[in-house]
């Protein structure tokens, strides 16, 4: 699967998963993770919906998700993507700074 991440600073980069494993990367709070629709050559990518596990529980990522801030502690934080288990494609974790 291929994802693009747009952070509040508008910096974009790709997260590519292979056989259930994603390159671990930190993502700023407020970023939006979107499933890519086209590749580098503007050819369509046929992504199916993705099962993810978030701090708010499991969900199905069909298009995009915006990572909210932590309203309880109100501390600086970043999210990260990594392989979670056989039950989910991707784990969206949370790291307090």
C-alpha atoms as a PDB file:
ATOM      1  CA  UNK A   1       0.000   0.000   0.000  1.00  0.00           C
ATOM      2  CA  UNK A   2       1.128   3.545  -0.573  1.00  0.00           C
ATOM      3  CA  UNK A   3       0.258   6.518   1.572  1.00  0.00           C
ATOM      4  CA  UNK A   4       1.101  10.171   1.392  1.00  0.00           C
ATOM      5  CA  UNK A   5       1.340  12.349   4.479  1.00  0.00           C
ATOM      6  CA  UNK A   6       0.635  16.062   4.470  1.00  0.00           C
ATOM      7  CA  UNK A   7       1.813  17.786   7.636  1.00  0.00           C
ATOM      8  CA  UNK A   8       0.726  21.254   8.814  1.00  0.00           C
ATOM      9  CA  UNK A   9       3.968  22.504   7.260  1.00  0.00           C
ATOM     10  CA  UNK A  10       2.788  21.035   3.926  1.00  0.00           C
ATOM     11  CA  UNK A  11       5.761  18.689   3.693  1.00  0.00           C
ATOM     12  CA  UNK A  12       4.775  15.517   1.854  1.00  0.00           C
ATOM     13  CA  UNK A  13       6.410  12.118   1.858  1.00  0.00           C
ATOM     14  CA  UNK A  14       5.401   8.537   1.199  1.00  0.00           C
ATOM     15  CA  UNK A  15       4.884   5.588   3.496  1.00  0.00           C
ATOM     16  CA  UNK A  16       5.142   2.323   1.605  1.00  0.00           C
ATOM     17  CA  UNK A  17       4.113  -0.897   3.277  1.00  0.00           C
ATOM     18  CA  UNK A  18       5.241  -4.295   2.071  1.00  0.00           C
ATOM     19  CA  UNK A  19       3.703  -7.547   3.303  1.00  0.00           C
ATOM     20  CA  UNK A  20       2.215  -5.855   6.318  1.00  0.00           C
ATOM     21  CA  UNK A  21       5.375  -4.013   7.367  1.00  0.00           C
ATOM     22  CA  UNK A  22       5.703  -0.253   7.146  1.00  0.00           C
ATOM     23  CA  UNK A  23       8.798   1.840   7.421  1.00  0.00           C
ATOM     24  CA  UNK A  24       8.547   3.381  10.880  1.00  0.00           C
ATOM     25  CA  UNK A  25       8.312   7.127  10.607  1.00  0.00           C
ATOM     26  CA  UNK A  26       7.222   9.978  12.827  1.00  0.00           C
ATOM     27  CA  UNK A  27       4.338  12.189  11.762  1.00  0.00           C
ATOM     28  CA  UNK A  28       3.441  15.520  13.318  1.00  0.00           C
ATOM     29  CA  UNK A  29       0.132  16.058  15.071  1.00  0.00           C
ATOM     30  CA  UNK A  30      -2.404  17.545  12.683  1.00  0.00           C
ATOM     31  CA  UNK A  31      -1.003  15.678   9.687  1.00  0.00           C
ATOM     32  CA  UNK A  32      -3.277  13.948   7.218  1.00  0.00           C
ATOM     33  CA  UNK A  33      -2.539  10.443   5.978  1.00  0.00           C
ATOM     34  CA  UNK A  34      -4.093   9.732   2.581  1.00  0.00           C
ATOM     35  CA  UNK A  35      -4.152   6.593   0.491  1.00  0.00           C
ATOM     36  CA  UNK A  36      -2.524   7.425  -2.815  1.00  0.00           C
ATOM     37  CA  UNK A  37      -4.662   7.344  -5.933  1.00  0.00           C
ATOM     38  CA  UNK A  38      -1.872   7.750  -8.496  1.00  0.00           C
ATOM     39  CA  UNK A  39       1.787   6.830  -8.592  1.00  0.00           C
ATOM     40  CA  UNK A  40       4.808   8.873  -9.702  1.00  0.00           C
ATOM     41  CA  UNK A  41       3.838   8.378 -13.363  1.00  0.00           C
ATOM     42  CA  UNK A  42       0.225   9.492 -12.730  1.00  0.00           C
ATOM     43  CA  UNK A  43      -1.015   5.948 -13.234  1.00  0.00           C
ATOM     44  CA  UNK A  44      -3.864   4.837 -10.968  1.00  0.00           C
ATOM     45  CA  UNK A  45      -3.077   2.783  -7.882  1.00  0.00           C
ATOM     46  CA  UNK A  46      -5.731   0.274  -6.925  1.00  0.00           C
ATOM     47  CA  UNK A  47      -5.573   0.462  -3.131  1.00  0.00           C
ATOM     48  CA  UNK A  48      -8.170  -1.413  -1.162  1.00  0.00           C
ATOM     49  CA  UNK A  49      -9.380  -0.109   2.162  1.00  0.00           C
ATOM     50  CA  UNK A  50      -6.854  -0.474   4.952  1.00  0.00           C
ATOM     51  CA  UNK A  51      -7.479  -1.734   8.482  1.00  0.00           C
ATOM     52  CA  UNK A  52      -5.629   0.477  10.947  1.00  0.00           C
ATOM     53  CA  UNK A  53      -5.452   0.625  14.727  1.00  0.00           C
ATOM     54  CA  UNK A  54      -5.439   4.086  16.241  1.00  0.00           C
ATOM     55  CA  UNK A  55      -5.316   5.426  19.775  1.00  0.00           C
ATOM     56  CA  UNK A  56      -9.100   5.708  19.481  1.00  0.00           C
ATOM     57  CA  UNK A  57      -9.478   2.056  18.515  1.00  0.00           C
ATOM     58  CA  UNK A  58      -9.634   0.146  15.217  1.00  0.00           C
ATOM     59  CA  UNK A  59     -10.965   1.756  12.070  1.00  0.00           C
ATOM     60  CA  UNK A  60     -11.048   1.267   8.325  1.00  0.00           C
ATOM     61  CA  UNK A  61      -9.027   3.761   6.303  1.00  0.00           C
ATOM     62  CA  UNK A  62     -10.857   4.225   3.014  1.00  0.00           C
ATOM     63  CA  UNK A  63      -9.462   7.574   1.940  1.00  0.00           C
ATOM     64  CA  UNK A  64      -7.675   9.676   4.545  1.00  0.00           C
ATOM     65  CA  UNK A  65      -7.372  10.350   8.257  1.00  0.00           C
ATOM     66  CA  UNK A  66      -6.261  13.481  10.086  1.00  0.00           C
ATOM     67  CA  UNK A  67      -4.333  12.893  13.295  1.00  0.00           C
ATOM     68  CA  UNK A  68      -5.823  14.987  16.111  1.00  0.00           C
ATOM     69  CA  UNK A  69      -3.978  16.481  19.044  1.00  0.00           C
ATOM     70  CA  UNK A  70      -4.209  14.990  22.504  1.00  0.00           C
ATOM     71  CA  UNK A  71      -6.892  17.005  24.282  1.00  0.00           C
ATOM     72  CA  UNK A  72      -6.265  15.355  27.653  1.00  0.00           C
ATOM     73  CA  UNK A  73      -2.605  16.106  28.305  1.00  0.00           C
ATOM     74  CA  UNK A  74      -2.082  18.882  25.726  1.00  0.00           C
ATOM     75  CA  UNK A  75       1.576  17.979  25.328  1.00  0.00           C
ATOM     76  CA  UNK A  76       3.656  18.059  22.152  1.00  0.00           C
ATOM     77  CA  UNK A  77       3.477  14.698  20.436  1.00  0.00           C
ATOM     78  CA  UNK A  78       4.064  12.846  17.211  1.00  0.00           C
ATOM     79  CA  UNK A  79       2.416   9.830  15.685  1.00  0.00           C
ATOM     80  CA  UNK A  80       4.214   6.929  14.080  1.00  0.00           C
ATOM     81  CA  UNK A  81       3.334   4.136  11.687  1.00  0.00           C
ATOM     82  CA  UNK A  82       4.616   0.619  12.065  1.00  0.00           C
ATOM     83  CA  UNK A  83       3.509  -2.966  11.656  1.00  0.00           C
ATOM     84  CA  UNK A  84       1.040  -3.927  14.380  1.00  0.00           C
ATOM     85  CA  UNK A  85      -0.246  -7.483  14.010  1.00  0.00           C
ATOM     86  CA  UNK A  86      -1.846  -9.859  11.567  1.00  0.00           C
ATOM     87  CA  UNK A  87      -5.224  -8.345  12.452  1.00  0.00           C
ATOM     88  CA  UNK A  88      -4.398  -4.846  11.225  1.00  0.00           C
ATOM     89  CA  UNK A  89      -2.451  -3.529   8.258  1.00  0.00           C
ATOM     90  CA  UNK A  90      -0.954  -0.554  10.053  1.00  0.00           C
ATOM     91  CA  UNK A  91      -0.651   0.735  13.596  1.00  0.00           C
ATOM     92  CA  UNK A  92      -0.909   4.470  14.083  1.00  0.00           C
ATOM     93  CA  UNK A  93       0.837   4.955  17.408  1.00  0.00           C
ATOM     94  CA  UNK A  94       1.404   7.972  19.567  1.00  0.00           C
ATOM     95  CA  UNK A  95       4.639   9.293  21.035  1.00  0.00           C
ATOM     96  CA  UNK A  96       4.672  12.072  23.590  1.00  0.00           C
ATOM     97  CA  UNK A  97       7.601  14.454  23.243  1.00  0.00           C
END
